[in-house]
PDB file of N, CA and C in Angstrom:
ATOM      1  N   UNK A   1      88.262 163.455  75.491  1.00  0.00           N
ATOM      2  CA  UNK A   1      87.774 164.561  76.497  1.00  0.00           C
ATOM      3  C   UNK A   1      88.012 165.915  75.923  1.00  0.00           C
ATOM      4  N   UNK A   2      87.139 166.789  76.418  1.00  0.00           N
ATOM      5  CA  UNK A   2      87.165 168.186  75.954  1.00  0.00           C
ATOM      6  C   UNK A   2      86.786 169.127  77.100  1.00  0.00           C
ATOM      7  N   UNK A   3      87.187 170.316  77.140  1.00  0.00           N
ATOM      8  CA  UNK A   3      86.728 171.251  78.152  1.00  0.00           C
ATOM      9  C   UNK A   3      85.303 171.605  77.930  1.00  0.00           C
ATOM     10  N   UNK A   4      84.475 171.723  79.054  1.00  0.00           N
ATOM     11  CA  UNK A   4      83.241 172.152  78.998  1.00  0.00           C
ATOM     12  C   UNK A   4      82.822 173.282  80.041  1.00  0.00           C
ATOM     13  N   UNK A   5      81.604 173.467  80.305  1.00  0.00           N
ATOM     14  CA  UNK A   5      81.318 174.312  81.470  1.00  0.00           C
ATOM     15  C   UNK A   5      81.506 173.716  82.796  1.00  0.00           C
ATOM     16  N   UNK A   6      81.799 172.355  82.858  1.00  0.00           N
ATOM     17  CA  UNK A   6      81.913 171.617  84.118  1.00  0.00           C
ATOM     18  C   UNK A   6      83.279 171.014  84.145  1.00  0.00           C
ATOM     19  N   UNK A   7      84.077 170.988  83.086  1.00  0.00           N
ATOM     20  CA  UNK A   7      85.432 170.279  83.025  1.00  0.00           C
ATOM     21  C   UNK A   7      86.468 171.334  82.650  1.00  0.00           C
ATOM     22  N   UNK A   8      87.518 171.483  83.388  1.00  0.00           N
ATOM     23  CA  UNK A   8      88.636 172.281  83.079  1.00  0.00           C
ATOM     24  C   UNK A   8      89.960 171.489  83.008  1.00  0.00           C
ATOM     25  N   UNK A   9      90.795 171.856  82.086  1.00  0.00           N
ATOM     26  CA  UNK A   9      92.097 171.137  81.939  1.00  0.00           C
ATOM     27  C   UNK A   9      93.226 172.213  82.180  1.00  0.00           C
ATOM     28  N   UNK A  10      94.225 171.789  82.949  1.00  0.00           N
ATOM     29  CA  UNK A  10      95.465 172.593  83.170  1.00  0.00           C
ATOM     30  C   UNK A  10      96.640 171.635  82.866  1.00  0.00           C
ATOM     31  N   UNK A  11      97.600 172.119  82.114  1.00  0.00           N
ATOM     32  CA  UNK A  11      98.755 171.315  81.673  1.00  0.00           C
ATOM     33  C   UNK A  11      99.600 170.929  82.798  1.00  0.00           C
ATOM     34  N   UNK A  12      99.803 171.841  83.936  1.00  0.00           N
ATOM     35  CA  UNK A  12     100.688 171.607  85.046  1.00  0.00           C
ATOM     36  C   UNK A  12     100.223 172.279  86.204  1.00  0.00           C
ATOM     37  N   UNK A  13     100.906 172.020  87.351  1.00  0.00           N
ATOM     38  CA  UNK A  13     100.546 172.663  88.622  1.00  0.00           C
ATOM     39  C   UNK A  13     100.997 174.128  88.567  1.00  0.00           C
ATOM     40  N   UNK A  14     101.753 174.538  87.561  1.00  0.00           N
ATOM     41  CA  UNK A  14     102.067 176.093  87.392  1.00  0.00           C
ATOM     42  C   UNK A  14     100.917 176.739  87.143  1.00  0.00           C
ATOM     43  N   UNK A  15      99.732 176.151  86.750  1.00  0.00           N
ATOM     44  CA  UNK A  15      98.535 176.848  86.434  1.00  0.00           C
ATOM     45  C   UNK A  15      97.507 176.649  87.519  1.00  0.00           C
ATOM     46  N   UNK A  16      98.016 176.419  88.841  1.00  0.00           N
ATOM     47  CA  UNK A  16      97.184 176.188  89.933  1.00  0.00           C
ATOM     48  C   UNK A  16      96.148 177.263  90.235  1.00  0.00           C
ATOM     49  N   UNK A  17      96.664 178.607  90.226  1.00  0.00           N
ATOM     50  CA  UNK A  17      95.762 179.684  90.502  1.00  0.00           C
ATOM     51  C   UNK A  17      94.634 179.787  89.604  1.00  0.00           C
ATOM     52  N   UNK A  18      94.793 179.639  88.332  1.00  0.00           N
ATOM     53  CA  UNK A  18      93.839 179.595  87.348  1.00  0.00           C
ATOM     54  C   UNK A  18      92.944 178.474  87.494  1.00  0.00           C
ATOM     55  N   UNK A  19      93.452 177.306  87.903  1.00  0.00           N
ATOM     56  CA  UNK A  19      92.659 176.213  88.208  1.00  0.00           C
ATOM     57  C   UNK A  19      91.578 176.326  89.368  1.00  0.00           C
ATOM     58  N   UNK A  20      92.159 177.048  90.324  1.00  0.00           N
ATOM     59  CA  UNK A  20      91.320 177.331  91.533  1.00  0.00           C
ATOM     60  C   UNK A  20      90.160 178.267  91.228  1.00  0.00           C
ATOM     61  N   UNK A  21      90.499 179.342  90.301  1.00  0.00           N
ATOM     62  CA  UNK A  21      89.507 180.228  89.915  1.00  0.00           C
ATOM     63  C   UNK A  21      88.327 179.429  89.046  1.00  0.00           C
ATOM     64  N   UNK A  22      88.784 178.509  88.219  1.00  0.00           N
ATOM     65  CA  UNK A  22      87.865 177.607  87.508  1.00  0.00           C
ATOM     66  C   UNK A  22      86.973 176.848  88.429  1.00  0.00           C
ATOM     67  N   UNK A  23      87.542 176.260  89.606  1.00  0.00           N
ATOM     68  CA  UNK A  23      86.747 175.574  90.552  1.00  0.00           C
ATOM     69  C   UNK A  23      85.509 176.484  91.055  1.00  0.00           C
ATOM     70  N   UNK A  24      85.823 177.739  91.461  1.00  0.00           N
ATOM     71  CA  UNK A  24      84.883 178.562  92.019  1.00  0.00           C
ATOM     72  C   UNK A  24      83.958 178.948  90.958  1.00  0.00           C
ATOM     73  N   UNK A  25      84.362 179.140  89.712  1.00  0.00           N
ATOM     74  CA  UNK A  25      83.377 179.598  88.592  1.00  0.00           C
ATOM     75  C   UNK A  25      82.490 178.494  88.324  1.00  0.00           C
ATOM     76  N   UNK A  26      82.969 177.328  88.258  1.00  0.00           N
ATOM     77  CA  UNK A  26      82.118 176.134  87.873  1.00  0.00           C
ATOM     78  C   UNK A  26      81.007 175.824  89.119  1.00  0.00           C
ATOM     79  N   UNK A  27      81.626 175.964  90.314  1.00  0.00           N
ATOM     80  CA  UNK A  27      80.683 175.770  91.478  1.00  0.00           C
ATOM     81  C   UNK A  27      79.553 176.887  91.443  1.00  0.00           C
ATOM     82  N   UNK A  28      79.831 178.125  91.065  1.00  0.00           N
ATOM     83  CA  UNK A  28      78.828 179.167  91.211  1.00  0.00           C
ATOM     84  C   UNK A  28      77.804 178.801  90.055  1.00  0.00           C
ATOM     85  N   UNK A  29      78.101 178.247  88.992  1.00  0.00           N
ATOM     86  CA  UNK A  29      77.079 178.120  87.936  1.00  0.00           C
ATOM     87  C   UNK A  29      76.507 176.736  88.014  1.00  0.00           C
ATOM     88  N   UNK A  30      77.264 175.705  88.297  1.00  0.00           N
ATOM     89  CA  UNK A  30      76.740 174.309  88.140  1.00  0.00           C
ATOM     90  C   UNK A  30      76.795 173.458  89.444  1.00  0.00           C
ATOM     91  N   UNK A  31      77.457 173.990  90.477  1.00  0.00           N
ATOM     92  CA  UNK A  31      77.432 173.196  91.807  1.00  0.00           C
ATOM     93  C   UNK A  31      78.391 172.039  91.800  1.00  0.00           C
ATOM     94  N   UNK A  32      78.990 171.616  90.719  1.00  0.00           N
ATOM     95  CA  UNK A  32      79.938 170.443  90.622  1.00  0.00           C
ATOM     96  C   UNK A  32      80.708 170.424  89.343  1.00  0.00           C
ATOM     97  N   UNK A  33      81.820 169.797  89.456  1.00  0.00           N
ATOM     98  CA  UNK A  33      82.685 169.747  88.122  1.00  0.00           C
ATOM     99  C   UNK A  33      83.995 169.021  88.408  1.00  0.00           C
ATOM    100  N   UNK A  34      84.850 169.144  87.376  1.00  0.00           N
ATOM    101  CA  UNK A  34      86.200 168.391  87.439  1.00  0.00           C
ATOM    102  C   UNK A  34      87.255 169.359  86.959  1.00  0.00           C
ATOM    103  N   UNK A  35      88.387 169.218  87.641  1.00  0.00           N
ATOM    104  CA  UNK A  35      89.561 170.001  87.214  1.00  0.00           C
ATOM    105  C   UNK A  35      90.662 168.911  86.981  1.00  0.00           C
ATOM    106  N   UNK A  36      91.368 168.908  85.805  1.00  0.00           N
ATOM    107  CA  UNK A  36      92.327 167.946  85.622  1.00  0.00           C
ATOM    108  C   UNK A  36      93.693 168.644  85.380  1.00  0.00           C
ATOM    109  N   UNK A  37      94.710 168.178  86.014  1.00  0.00           N
ATOM    110  CA  UNK A  37      96.163 168.602  85.823  1.00  0.00           C
ATOM    111  C   UNK A  37      96.799 167.559  84.959  1.00  0.00           C
ATOM    112  N   UNK A  38      97.675 168.033  84.063  1.00  0.00           N
ATOM    113  CA  UNK A  38      98.391 167.183  83.197  1.00  0.00           C
ATOM    114  C   UNK A  38      97.682 166.851  81.874  1.00  0.00           C
ATOM    115  N   UNK A  39      96.669 167.739  81.551  1.00  0.00           N
ATOM    116  CA  UNK A  39      95.985 167.655  80.353  1.00  0.00           C
ATOM    117  C   UNK A  39      95.964 168.968  79.704  1.00  0.00           C
ATOM    118  N   UNK A  40      96.310 168.966  78.354  1.00  0.00           N
ATOM    119  CA  UNK A  40      96.437 170.277  77.590  1.00  0.00           C
ATOM    120  C   UNK A  40      94.831 170.699  77.296  1.00  0.00           C
ATOM    121  N   UNK A  41      94.716 171.954  76.783  1.00  0.00           N
ATOM    122  CA  UNK A  41      93.331 172.431  76.563  1.00  0.00           C
ATOM    123  C   UNK A  41      92.653 171.719  75.514  1.00  0.00           C
ATOM    124  N   UNK A  42      93.408 171.033  74.524  1.00  0.00           N
ATOM    125  CA  UNK A  42      92.805 170.322  73.602  1.00  0.00           C
ATOM    126  C   UNK A  42      92.348 168.942  73.999  1.00  0.00           C
ATOM    127  N   UNK A  43      92.536 168.462  75.344  1.00  0.00           N
ATOM    128  CA  UNK A  43      92.126 167.334  75.836  1.00  0.00           C
ATOM    129  C   UNK A  43      93.202 166.180  75.801  1.00  0.00           C
ATOM    130  N   UNK A  44      94.350 166.447  75.194  1.00  0.00           N
ATOM    131  CA  UNK A  44      95.479 165.501  75.114  1.00  0.00           C
ATOM    132  C   UNK A  44      96.194 165.461  76.535  1.00  0.00           C
ATOM    133  N   UNK A  45      96.266 164.219  77.104  1.00  0.00           N
ATOM    134  CA  UNK A  45      97.018 164.085  78.374  1.00  0.00           C
ATOM    135  C   UNK A  45      98.465 164.140  78.043  1.00  0.00           C
ATOM    136  N   UNK A  46      99.150 164.925  78.841  1.00  0.00           N
ATOM    137  CA  UNK A  46     100.605 165.090  78.782  1.00  0.00           C
ATOM    138  C   UNK A  46     101.245 164.620  79.942  1.00  0.00           C
ATOM    139  N   UNK A  47     100.503 164.393  81.096  1.00  0.00           N
ATOM    140  CA  UNK A  47     101.007 163.850  82.247  1.00  0.00           C
ATOM    141  C   UNK A  47     101.811 164.865  83.066  1.00  0.00           C
ATOM    142  N   UNK A  48     102.087 164.431  84.279  1.00  0.00           N
ATOM    143  CA  UNK A  48     102.976 165.225  85.276  1.00  0.00           C
ATOM    144  C   UNK A  48     103.419 164.301  86.346  1.00  0.00           C
ATOM    145  N   UNK A  49     104.492 164.829  86.965  1.00  0.00           N
ATOM    146  CA  UNK A  49     105.037 164.033  88.092  1.00  0.00           C
ATOM    147  C   UNK A  49     104.298 164.450  89.368  1.00  0.00           C
ATOM    148  N   UNK A  50     103.452 163.610  89.877  1.00  0.00           N
ATOM    149  CA  UNK A  50     102.619 163.928  91.050  1.00  0.00           C
ATOM    150  C   UNK A  50     102.727 162.830  92.038  1.00  0.00           C
ATOM    151  N   UNK A  51     103.241 163.167  93.257  1.00  0.00           N
ATOM    152  CA  UNK A  51     103.307 162.218  94.373  1.00  0.00           C
ATOM    153  C   UNK A  51     102.388 162.640  95.437  1.00  0.00           C
ATOM    154  N   UNK A  52     102.501 161.980  96.663  1.00  0.00           N
ATOM    155  CA  UNK A  52     101.568 162.298  97.748  1.00  0.00           C
ATOM    156  C   UNK A  52     101.760 163.771  98.173  1.00  0.00           C
ATOM    157  N   UNK A  53     102.997 164.249  98.116  1.00  0.00           N
ATOM    158  CA  UNK A  53     103.178 165.707  98.566  1.00  0.00           C
ATOM    159  C   UNK A  53     102.430 166.589  97.523  1.00  0.00           C
ATOM    160  N   UNK A  54     102.536 166.376  96.250  1.00  0.00           N
ATOM    161  CA  UNK A  54     101.811 167.189  95.252  1.00  0.00           C
ATOM    162  C   UNK A  54     100.344 167.240  95.585  1.00  0.00           C
ATOM    163  N   UNK A  55      99.733 166.081  95.825  1.00  0.00           N
ATOM    164  CA  UNK A  55      98.360 165.938  96.071  1.00  0.00           C
ATOM    165  C   UNK A  55      97.977 166.720  97.361  1.00  0.00           C
ATOM    166  N   UNK A  56      98.848 166.600  98.414  1.00  0.00           N
ATOM    167  CA  UNK A  56      98.613 167.264  99.691  1.00  0.00           C
ATOM    168  C   UNK A  56      98.622 168.721  99.518  1.00  0.00           C
ATOM    169  N   UNK A  57      99.771 169.238  98.764  1.00  0.00           N
ATOM    170  CA  UNK A  57      99.832 170.695  98.497  1.00  0.00           C
ATOM    171  C   UNK A  57      98.561 171.182  97.730  1.00  0.00           C
ATOM    172  N   UNK A  58      98.104 170.473  96.738  1.00  0.00           N
ATOM    173  CA  UNK A  58      96.984 170.837  95.985  1.00  0.00           C
ATOM    174  C   UNK A  58      95.774 170.921  96.917  1.00  0.00           C
ATOM    175  N   UNK A  59      95.482 169.917  97.730  1.00  0.00           N
ATOM    176  CA  UNK A  59      94.425 169.938  98.716  1.00  0.00           C
ATOM    177  C   UNK A  59      94.488 171.157  99.529  1.00  0.00           C
ATOM    178  N   UNK A  60      95.657 171.403 100.097  1.00  0.00           N
ATOM    179  CA  UNK A  60      95.811 172.620 101.013  1.00  0.00           C
ATOM    180  C   UNK A  60      95.560 173.945 100.338  1.00  0.00           C
ATOM    181  N   UNK A  61      95.976 173.910  99.083  1.00  0.00           N
ATOM    182  CA  UNK A  61      95.734 175.274  98.282  1.00  0.00           C
ATOM    183  C   UNK A  61      94.286 175.460  98.137  1.00  0.00           C
ATOM    184  N   UNK A  62      93.508 174.438  97.762  1.00  0.00           N
ATOM    185  CA  UNK A  62      92.051 174.451  97.694  1.00  0.00           C
ATOM    186  C   UNK A  62      91.451 175.006  98.996  1.00  0.00           C
ATOM    187  N   UNK A  63      91.908 174.336 100.038  1.00  0.00           N
ATOM    188  CA  UNK A  63      91.359 174.766 101.365  1.00  0.00           C
ATOM    189  C   UNK A  63      91.690 176.240 101.650  1.00  0.00           C
ATOM    190  N   UNK A  64      92.811 176.639 101.322  1.00  0.00           N
ATOM    191  CA  UNK A  64      93.278 178.049 101.719  1.00  0.00           C
ATOM    192  C   UNK A  64      92.665 179.159 100.878  1.00  0.00           C
ATOM    193  N   UNK A  65      92.346 178.827  99.638  1.00  0.00           N
ATOM    194  CA  UNK A  65      91.971 179.911  98.662  1.00  0.00           C
ATOM    195  C   UNK A  65      90.559 179.903  98.172  1.00  0.00           C
ATOM    196  N   UNK A  66      89.720 178.859  98.524  1.00  0.00           N
ATOM    197  CA  UNK A  66      88.359 178.810  98.028  1.00  0.00           C
ATOM    198  C   UNK A  66      87.478 178.862  99.274  1.00  0.00           C
ATOM    199  N   UNK A  67      86.462 179.876  99.212  1.00  0.00           N
ATOM    200  CA  UNK A  67      85.564 180.010 100.346  1.00  0.00           C
ATOM    201  C   UNK A  67      84.143 180.126  99.682  1.00  0.00           C
ATOM    202  N   UNK A  68      83.186 179.524 100.339  1.00  0.00           N
ATOM    203  CA  UNK A  68      83.242 178.753 101.570  1.00  0.00           C
ATOM    204  C   UNK A  68      83.952 177.458 101.236  1.00  0.00           C
ATOM    205  N   UNK A  69      84.466 176.790 102.260  1.00  0.00           N
ATOM    206  CA  UNK A  69      85.340 175.601 102.017  1.00  0.00           C
ATOM    207  C   UNK A  69      84.606 174.458 101.340  1.00  0.00           C
ATOM    208  N   UNK A  70      85.426 173.775 100.532  1.00  0.00           N
ATOM    209  CA  UNK A  70      84.929 172.475  99.931  1.00  0.00           C
ATOM    210  C   UNK A  70      85.733 171.424 100.206  1.00  0.00           C
ATOM    211  N   UNK A  71      85.408 170.129 100.104  1.00  0.00           N
ATOM    212  CA  UNK A  71      86.148 168.977 100.310  1.00  0.00           C
ATOM    213  C   UNK A  71      86.184 168.189  99.042  1.00  0.00           C
ATOM    214  N   UNK A  72      87.067 168.475  98.161  1.00  0.00           N
ATOM    215  CA  UNK A  72      87.096 167.804  96.823  1.00  0.00           C
ATOM    216  C   UNK A  72      87.774 166.347  96.989  1.00  0.00           C
ATOM    217  N   UNK A  73      87.570 165.540  95.974  1.00  0.00           N
ATOM    218  CA  UNK A  73      88.210 164.323  95.864  1.00  0.00           C
ATOM    219  C   UNK A  73      89.407 164.552  94.896  1.00  0.00           C
ATOM    220  N   UNK A  74      90.642 164.127  95.283  1.00  0.00           N
ATOM    221  CA  UNK A  74      91.849 164.297  94.461  1.00  0.00           C
ATOM    222  C   UNK A  74      92.397 163.025  94.272  1.00  0.00           C
ATOM    223  N   UNK A  75      92.532 162.597  92.969  1.00  0.00           N
ATOM    224  CA  UNK A  75      93.070 161.308  92.576  1.00  0.00           C
ATOM    225  C   UNK A  75      93.997 161.432  91.472  1.00  0.00           C
ATOM    226  N   UNK A  76      94.987 160.415  91.366  1.00  0.00           N
ATOM    227  CA  UNK A  76      95.825 160.332  90.275  1.00  0.00           C
ATOM    228  C   UNK A  76      95.222 159.286  89.321  1.00  0.00           C
ATOM    229  N   UNK A  77      94.987 159.593  88.075  1.00  0.00           N
ATOM    230  CA  UNK A  77      94.448 158.670  87.086  1.00  0.00           C
ATOM    231  C   UNK A  77      95.365 158.718  85.893  1.00  0.00           C
ATOM    232  N   UNK A  78      95.269 157.520  85.232  1.00  0.00           N
ATOM    233  CA  UNK A  78      96.127 157.271  83.990  1.00  0.00           C
ATOM    234  C   UNK A  78      95.247 157.554  82.777  1.00  0.00           C
ATOM    235  N   UNK A  79      95.658 158.585  81.953  1.00  0.00           N
ATOM    236  CA  UNK A  79      94.939 158.931  80.703  1.00  0.00           C
ATOM    237  C   UNK A  79      96.028 158.865  79.635  1.00  0.00           C
ATOM    238  N   UNK A  80      95.663 158.104  78.517  1.00  0.00           N
ATOM    239  CA  UNK A  80      96.581 157.932  77.451  1.00  0.00           C
ATOM    240  C   UNK A  80      98.044 157.608  77.818  1.00  0.00           C
ATOM    241  N   UNK A  81      98.068 156.768  78.894  1.00  0.00           N
ATOM    242  CA  UNK A  81      99.445 156.324  79.389  1.00  0.00           C
ATOM    243  C   UNK A  81     100.166 157.305  80.190  1.00  0.00           C
ATOM    244  N   UNK A  82      99.443 158.423  80.603  1.00  0.00           N
ATOM    245  CA  UNK A  82     100.193 159.454  81.380  1.00  0.00           C
ATOM    246  C   UNK A  82      99.497 159.639  82.685  1.00  0.00           C
ATOM    247  N   UNK A  83     100.224 160.035  83.736  1.00  0.00           N
ATOM    248  CA  UNK A  83      99.757 160.304  85.019  1.00  0.00           C
ATOM    249  C   UNK A  83      99.078 161.672  85.017  1.00  0.00           C
ATOM    250  N   UNK A  84      97.796 161.694  85.396  1.00  0.00           N
ATOM    251  CA  UNK A  84      97.061 163.056  85.493  1.00  0.00           C
ATOM    252  C   UNK A  84      96.437 163.137  86.874  1.00  0.00           C
ATOM    253  N   UNK A  85      96.182 164.334  87.320  1.00  0.00           N
ATOM    254  CA  UNK A  85      95.511 164.461  88.608  1.00  0.00           C
ATOM    255  C   UNK A  85      94.145 165.018  88.420  1.00  0.00           C
ATOM    256  N   UNK A  86      93.150 164.258  88.888  1.00  0.00           N
ATOM    257  CA  UNK A  86      91.730 164.639  88.755  1.00  0.00           C
ATOM    258  C   UNK A  86      91.176 165.147  90.056  1.00  0.00           C
ATOM    259  N   UNK A  87      90.644 166.314  90.030  1.00  0.00           N
ATOM    260  CA  UNK A  87      89.967 167.039  91.196  1.00  0.00           C
ATOM    261  C   UNK A  87      88.488 167.050  90.924  1.00  0.00           C
ATOM    262  N   UNK A  88      87.755 166.211  91.631  1.00  0.00           N
ATOM    263  CA  UNK A  88      86.329 166.314  91.564  1.00  0.00           C
ATOM    264  C   UNK A  88      85.673 167.041  92.739  1.00  0.00           C
ATOM    265  N   UNK A  89      84.835 168.021  92.410  1.00  0.00           N
ATOM    266  CA  UNK A  89      84.380 168.868  93.459  1.00  0.00           C
ATOM    267  C   UNK A  89      82.882 169.114  93.270  1.00  0.00           C
ATOM    268  N   UNK A  90      82.149 169.397  94.508  1.00  0.00           N
ATOM    269  CA  UNK A  90      80.814 169.907  94.486  1.00  0.00           C
ATOM    270  C   UNK A  90      80.580 170.757  95.711  1.00  0.00           C
ATOM    271  N   UNK A  91      79.448 171.510  95.667  1.00  0.00           N
ATOM    272  CA  UNK A  91      79.096 172.394  96.771  1.00  0.00           C
ATOM    273  C   UNK A  91      77.798 172.988  96.538  1.00  0.00           C
ATOM    274  N   UNK A  92      77.094 173.375  97.590  1.00  0.00           N
ATOM    275  CA  UNK A  92      75.807 173.903  97.491  1.00  0.00           C
ATOM    276  C   UNK A  92      75.703 175.247  98.252  1.00  0.00           C
ATOM    277  N   UNK A  93      76.796 175.939  98.485  1.00  0.00           N
ATOM    278  CA  UNK A  93      76.820 177.074  99.308  1.00  0.00           C
ATOM    279  C   UNK A  93      77.297 178.314  98.494  1.00  0.00           C
ATOM    280  N   UNK A  94      76.873 178.385  97.216  1.00  0.00           N
ATOM    281  CA  UNK A  94      77.159 179.577  96.432  1.00  0.00           C
ATOM    282  C   UNK A  94      76.816 180.851  97.087  1.00  0.00           C
ATOM    283  N   UNK A  95      77.406 181.932  96.899  1.00  0.00           N
ATOM    284  CA  UNK A  95      78.543 182.139  96.002  1.00  0.00           C
ATOM    285  C   UNK A  95      79.934 181.573  96.555  1.00  0.00           C
ATOM    286  N   UNK A  96      80.702 181.095  95.616  1.00  0.00           N
ATOM    287  CA  UNK A  96      82.067 180.686  95.968  1.00  0.00           C
ATOM    288  C   UNK A  96      83.053 181.659  95.475  1.00  0.00           C
ATOM    289  N   UNK A  97      84.139 181.939  96.218  1.00  0.00           N
ATOM    290  CA  UNK A  97      85.170 182.883  95.934  1.00  0.00           C
ATOM    291  C   UNK A  97      86.480 182.169  95.893  1.00  0.00           C
ATOM    292  N   UNK A  98      87.270 182.628  94.885  1.00  0.00           N
ATOM    293  CA  UNK A  98      88.686 182.203  94.864  1.00  0.00           C
ATOM    294  C   UNK A  98      89.471 183.433  94.934  1.00  0.00           C
ATOM    295  N   UNK A  99      90.491 183.320  95.811  1.00  0.00           N
ATOM    296  CA  UNK A  99      91.329 184.485  96.097  1.00  0.00           C
ATOM    297  C   UNK A  99      90.490 185.805  96.421  1.00  0.00           C
ATOM    298  N   UNK A 100      89.433 185.561  97.085  1.00  0.00           N
ATOM    299  CA  UNK A 100      88.549 186.688  97.411  1.00  0.00           C
ATOM    300  C   UNK A 100      87.673 187.277  96.412  1.00  0.00           C
ATOM    301  N   UNK A 101      87.590 186.654  95.183  1.00  0.00           N
ATOM    302  CA  UNK A 101      86.710 187.124  94.217  1.00  0.00           C
ATOM    303  C   UNK A 101      85.848 186.128  93.700  1.00  0.00           C
ATOM    304  N   UNK A 102      84.646 186.459  93.153  1.00  0.00           N
ATOM    305  CA  UNK A 102      83.588 185.553  92.668  1.00  0.00           C
ATOM    306  C   UNK A 102      83.776 185.437  91.150  1.00  0.00           C
ATOM    307  N   UNK A 103      83.662 184.281  90.595  1.00  0.00           N
ATOM    308  CA  UNK A 103      83.659 184.047  89.238  1.00  0.00           C
ATOM    309  C   UNK A 103      82.458 183.264  88.717  1.00  0.00           C
ATOM    310  N   UNK A 104      82.149 183.272  87.449  1.00  0.00           N
ATOM    311  CA  UNK A 104      80.971 182.464  86.909  1.00  0.00           C
ATOM    312  C   UNK A 104      81.632 181.879  85.594  1.00  0.00           C
ATOM    313  N   UNK A 105      81.276 180.611  85.381  1.00  0.00           N
ATOM    314  CA  UNK A 105      81.724 179.828  84.179  1.00  0.00           C
ATOM    315  C   UNK A 105      80.791 180.137  83.038  1.00  0.00           C
ATOM    316  N   UNK A 106      81.423 180.487  82.011  1.00  0.00           N
ATOM    317  CA  UNK A 106      80.759 180.778  80.663  1.00  0.00           C
ATOM    318  C   UNK A 106      81.488 180.045  79.579  1.00  0.00           C
ATOM    319  N   UNK A 107      80.780 179.141  78.942  1.00  0.00           N
ATOM    320  CA  UNK A 107      81.386 178.162  78.078  1.00  0.00           C
ATOM    321  C   UNK A 107      82.507 177.411  78.758  1.00  0.00           C
ATOM    322  N   UNK A 108      83.773 177.678  78.200  1.00  0.00           N
ATOM    323  CA  UNK A 108      84.970 177.098  78.811  1.00  0.00           C
ATOM    324  C   UNK A 108      85.873 178.135  79.414  1.00  0.00           C
ATOM    325  N   UNK A 109      85.299 179.281  79.732  1.00  0.00           N
ATOM    326  CA  UNK A 109      86.168 180.434  80.423  1.00  0.00           C
ATOM    327  C   UNK A 109      85.480 180.804  81.671  1.00  0.00           C
ATOM    328  N   UNK A 110      86.399 181.488  82.488  1.00  0.00           N
ATOM    329  CA  UNK A 110      85.852 182.019  83.813  1.00  0.00           C
ATOM    330  C   UNK A 110      85.779 183.547  83.822  1.00  0.00           C
ATOM    331  N   UNK A 111      84.619 184.092  84.086  1.00  0.00           N
ATOM    332  CA  UNK A 111      84.543 185.505  84.104  1.00  0.00           C
ATOM    333  C   UNK A 111      84.302 186.086  85.581  1.00  0.00           C
ATOM    334  N   UNK A 112      85.062 187.046  85.889  1.00  0.00           N
ATOM    335  CA  UNK A 112      84.935 187.628  87.235  1.00  0.00           C
ATOM    336  C   UNK A 112      83.573 188.317  87.340  1.00  0.00           C
ATOM    337  N   UNK A 113      82.924 188.225  88.506  1.00  0.00           N
ATOM    338  CA  UNK A 113      81.629 188.853  88.805  1.00  0.00           C
ATOM    339  C   UNK A 113      81.791 190.203  89.306  1.00  0.00           C
ATOM    340  N   UNK A 114      80.983 191.132  89.028  1.00  0.00           N
ATOM    341  CA  UNK A 114      81.027 192.404  89.752  1.00  0.00           C
ATOM    342  C   UNK A 114      80.352 192.324  91.119  1.00  0.00           C
ATOM    343  N   UNK A 115      80.504 193.348  91.936  1.00  0.00           N
ATOM    344  CA  UNK A 115      79.901 193.272  93.233  1.00  0.00           C
ATOM    345  C   UNK A 115      78.429 193.197  93.143  1.00  0.00           C
ATOM    346  N   UNK A 116      77.836 193.843  92.118  1.00  0.00           N
ATOM    347  CA  UNK A 116      76.343 193.793  91.989  1.00  0.00           C
ATOM    348  C   UNK A 116      75.897 192.425  91.553  1.00  0.00           C
ATOM    349  N   UNK A 117      76.548 191.708  90.654  1.00  0.00           N
ATOM    350  CA  UNK A 117      76.211 190.444  90.281  1.00  0.00           C
ATOM    351  C   UNK A 117      76.301 189.398  91.428  1.00  0.00           C
TER     352      UNK A 117
END
């Protein structure tokens, strides 16, 4: 696996804010994508400790910080023997905002859009 314009990796939930920005950026350009927690940028699964509370907190953060609202699928998947969290999302109501700002995916990074854009 590797990062692309529609796939983003985050090593842990400590990178949640950046992950939510990536969701908005991917939605604005492609309308659908995946965000993985427990996977390094190079695609190597390092895993994380994720229970039902972690998944619920993640889902609540997505609902609270992404507008318009989306309803992603959040699953625990085993990659390379490690527990990882996969967030699959899609939406057709662009522009999407994370934390009140709009972003666009360019290669494997997220760029903030200006008011004019």
